[in-house]
Structures are given as C-alpha cells and as structure tokens.
Protein backbone atom coordinates (compact mmCIF):
# COMPACT_ATOMS: atom_id res chain seq x y z
CA MET A 1 5.07 24.96 -22.73
CA SER A 2 8.33 22.38 -23.44
CA ASP A 3 9.90 20.50 -20.91
CA GLY A 4 12.84 22.89 -20.99
CA GLU A 5 10.43 26.37 -20.11
CA ARG A 6 9.25 24.58 -17.71
CA ARG A 7 8.56 26.02 -13.88
CA LYS A 8 10.85 24.54 -11.41
CA VAL A 9 8.79 23.62 -8.70
CA VAL A 10 9.44 25.69 -5.93
CA VAL A 11 9.16 24.03 -2.43
CA ARG A 12 8.27 26.29 0.76
CA PRO A 13 5.60 26.47 3.60
CA ILE A 14 2.25 25.02 3.03
CA GLU A 15 -0.21 28.23 3.24
CA GLU A 16 -3.79 28.31 4.77
CA ARG A 17 -5.59 28.16 1.90
CA GLU A 18 -3.33 25.16 0.41
CA TRP A 19 -5.10 22.42 2.95
CA PRO A 20 -7.90 21.83 0.70
CA ALA A 21 -5.30 20.47 -2.07
CA VAL A 22 -2.99 18.99 0.35
CA CYS A 23 -5.39 17.00 2.17
CA GLU A 24 -7.11 15.63 -1.42
CA ILE A 25 -3.07 14.39 -1.84
CA VAL A 26 -3.10 12.66 1.69
CA ARG A 27 -6.59 11.00 1.09
CA ALA A 28 -5.59 9.49 -2.69
CA VAL A 29 -2.42 8.63 -1.52
CA VAL A 30 -3.32 6.74 1.43
CA ALA A 31 -6.55 5.77 -0.21
CA ASP A 32 -3.57 3.83 -3.05
CA GLY A 33 -3.03 0.93 -0.52
CA GLY A 34 0.25 0.35 -1.46
CA THR A 35 2.65 3.14 0.27
CA TYR A 36 1.47 4.65 3.84
CA ALA A 37 -0.08 2.59 6.81
CA TYR A 38 -2.68 5.25 8.05
CA PRO A 39 -6.57 4.73 7.78
CA GLU A 40 -7.89 4.86 4.80
CA ASP A 41 -11.01 6.07 4.80
CA LEU A 42 -9.78 9.43 5.78
CA ASP A 43 -12.30 12.87 5.91
CA ASP A 44 -9.84 16.05 4.97
CA ALA A 45 -9.69 16.76 8.94
CA GLY A 46 -8.33 13.44 9.84
CA ALA A 47 -5.97 13.73 7.08
CA ARG A 48 -4.92 16.71 8.12
CA ALA A 49 -5.25 15.36 11.81
CA ILE A 50 -1.79 12.88 10.43
CA TRP A 51 0.03 15.75 7.85
CA GLU A 52 0.04 18.67 10.25
CA GLU A 53 2.99 18.82 11.52
CA PRO A 54 3.59 21.01 14.92
CA ALA A 55 6.40 22.88 15.74
CA PRO A 56 9.28 23.01 15.93
CA GLY A 57 8.27 20.39 12.77
CA ALA A 58 7.88 21.63 9.23
CA THR A 59 4.79 21.15 6.71
CA VAL A 60 5.62 22.10 2.89
CA VAL A 61 4.45 21.83 -0.32
CA ALA A 62 6.00 21.10 -4.03
CA VAL A 63 4.30 23.88 -6.39
CA GLU A 64 4.84 24.37 -9.61
CA ASP A 65 2.89 27.49 -12.06
CA GLY A 66 0.42 28.03 -8.67
CA ALA A 67 -0.62 24.25 -8.54
CA VAL A 68 0.46 21.97 -5.75
CA LEU A 69 2.27 18.94 -6.62
CA GLY A 70 3.52 17.31 -3.50
CA THR A 71 3.61 17.59 -0.07
CA ALA A 72 6.05 16.23 2.81
CA LYS A 73 6.52 16.31 6.93
CA MET A 74 9.08 16.32 8.75
CA GLY A 75 9.78 17.15 12.58
CA PRO A 76 11.80 14.84 15.51
CA ASN A 77 11.67 11.12 14.55
CA ARG A 78 11.08 10.61 18.91
CA PRO A 79 10.17 13.39 21.50
CA GLY A 80 12.83 13.41 24.69
CA ARG A 81 16.29 11.72 24.03
CA GLY A 82 15.42 10.74 20.52
CA ASP A 83 14.31 14.84 19.50
CA HIS A 84 18.51 14.80 17.77
CA VAL A 85 17.33 12.58 15.12
CA ALA A 86 14.88 14.42 12.83
CA THR A 87 12.51 11.90 10.10
CA GLY A 88 10.43 13.34 7.90
CA SER A 89 7.05 11.78 5.29
CA VAL A 90 7.15 13.11 1.52
CA MET A 91 3.43 12.43 -1.26
CA VAL A 92 3.33 12.90 -4.97
CA ALA A 93 -0.11 13.61 -5.94
CA PRO A 94 -0.98 11.62 -8.32
CA GLY A 95 -0.04 11.94 -12.06
CA HIS A 96 2.58 14.21 -11.10
CA GLU A 97 5.49 10.94 -9.72
CA GLY A 98 8.39 10.89 -11.93
CA ARG A 99 8.59 14.49 -12.59
CA GLY A 100 11.38 15.81 -9.79
CA VAL A 101 8.89 16.69 -7.27
CA GLY A 102 9.40 13.77 -5.34
CA ARG A 103 13.28 14.77 -4.94
CA ALA A 104 12.32 18.20 -3.80
CA LEU A 105 10.29 17.40 -1.69
CA GLY A 106 13.01 15.26 -0.12
CA GLU A 107 16.41 17.21 -0.55
CA ALA A 108 14.19 19.99 1.30
CA VAL A 109 13.40 17.46 4.17
CA ILE A 110 17.52 17.20 4.38
CA ALA A 111 18.20 20.90 3.96
CA TRP A 112 15.57 21.06 6.96
CA GLY A 113 17.00 18.82 9.26
CA ARG A 114 20.71 19.90 8.12
CA ALA A 115 19.40 23.60 9.17
CA GLU A 116 17.51 22.45 12.17
CA GLY A 117 20.56 21.28 12.92
CA TYR A 118 19.53 16.69 13.55
CA ARG A 119 22.45 14.77 13.01
CA GLY A 120 20.46 12.37 11.22
CA ILE A 121 16.74 11.81 9.68
CA GLN A 122 15.76 8.02 10.07
CA PHE A 123 12.08 7.25 8.15
CA ASN A 124 10.43 4.75 10.39
CA ALA A 125 8.28 2.67 7.52
CA VAL A 126 9.23 3.28 4.44
CA VAL A 127 7.53 -0.21 2.45
CA ALA A 128 10.02 -2.29 0.65
CA THR A 129 7.60 -2.84 -2.43
CA ASN A 130 7.84 0.84 -3.35
CA GLU A 131 11.11 0.84 -5.53
CA ARG A 132 9.97 4.37 -6.97
CA ALA A 133 10.78 5.44 -3.09
CA LEU A 134 13.38 3.25 -2.63
CA ALA A 135 15.31 4.37 -5.14
CA LEU A 136 14.62 8.52 -4.52
CA TRP A 137 16.06 7.54 -0.56
CA ARG A 138 19.14 5.58 -1.36
CA ALA A 139 19.72 8.49 -4.45
CA LEU A 140 19.84 10.96 -1.85
CA GLY A 141 22.26 8.37 0.15
CA PHE A 142 19.72 7.10 2.82
CA GLU A 143 20.75 3.41 3.66
CA VAL A 144 18.36 0.61 4.80
CA ALA A 145 18.81 0.50 8.89
CA GLY A 146 16.69 -2.38 9.39
CA ARG A 147 13.86 -3.95 7.98
CA VAL A 148 10.57 -5.54 9.92
CA PRO A 149 9.23 -8.30 7.67
CA GLY A 150 5.63 -7.92 6.84
CA ALA A 151 4.57 -5.20 8.52
CA TYR A 152 2.25 -3.61 6.20
CA ARG A 153 -0.34 -5.11 4.22
CA HIS A 154 0.37 -4.01 0.60
CA ARG A 155 -3.04 -4.25 -1.25
CA GLU A 156 -2.09 -5.96 -3.70
CA GLN A 157 0.47 -7.81 -2.72
CA GLY A 158 -0.72 -9.02 0.94
CA LEU A 159 2.15 -8.56 4.02
CA VAL A 160 5.14 -7.17 2.42
CA ASP A 161 8.16 -5.89 5.03
CA LEU A 162 8.94 -2.22 6.15
CA LEU A 163 12.56 -0.45 6.02
CA VAL A 164 13.61 1.41 8.06
CA MET A 165 16.06 3.78 6.54
CA TYR A 166 18.59 6.02 7.35
CA LEU A 167 20.87 9.39 6.77
CA ALA A 168 23.94 10.14 9.15
CA LEU A 169 23.76 14.40 8.49
CA SER A 170 26.83 14.59 10.93
C-alpha cells in the first residue's frame, strides 16, 4: 500500500485490550530520557497508573490498520478553582514519529478540550530541546507561557529547560 493509499490514523478512546500496547509505548518513551520526567523503571502497572486518566478526563489511542501507534491523555490541569483549564500529554510509539500520529493526537486533545468546555489547555512541562513537539504545539496554536530553567535532567544533554505552553480555547 502506498503512502497515498495508507489508511488514516484514527484517534478513539482506549479499549482494555490495548493497555499492553499503550504500556509498551509509555515505558519506551519514558526510558528514552528526552521527553518525560516520569520514573524510568516503570513496570506495566506503573505505566498504567500514570497514563490512565480518570473521569472527567480521557485516555485515547491513535490506531492505524489495527496497530496502536500512539496515545494521549487529557483532563483538568488542576482541581477545584483551576479545573476550567485542561492539560494533556501525547506519546508516539518509537518508529512512528513524523507520520502525523502526534498531530492527530494533539488535535484530539484540543477537540476534547473544546467539547468539554475548557477555557484553555496548559502543557506544564514541554522539554525545551524537544524540537519536534515544540514545532507541533506551535503549529496547533500553543504559545510558550513560561520557562523553568534547568528543570529537566535530559539523558544526553544534562539540565535543560522545561516550557509551560498554553492554548486559549475561548
């Protein structure tokens, strides 16, 4: 099947049978050491504990031809007086970057935030050296709202900045 004939990536709520694939993605992305500040030694239960988003949030998968290529979670950024602003996280399975999976997931996070009535979406910790993510979030309308110097211990680059990014929805 050529690229033009390839099926479209579908983003939808996760199904229980897909948790092993999602846990594999979460563990691989975290172990890479360049994008997420989660513990690197996650087992499947640990990966599920940090990625399964409880109501009113959601966890979704990006699927193509039955294969899970990525995942996202979304929910309120803060409880109580901060619950009118959403947050989200996106992970793409290693080897599937650059194919539109992250964009499809990012668009799903934004659509979910709008549908649920959030006033905006705040990403609390985008690693400043993660150029692919920064380009995507900027293309989807996010702006850098703040910078925390040296807040992330990058596996290869040492201490790097974390960015807070924001997208107004209303």
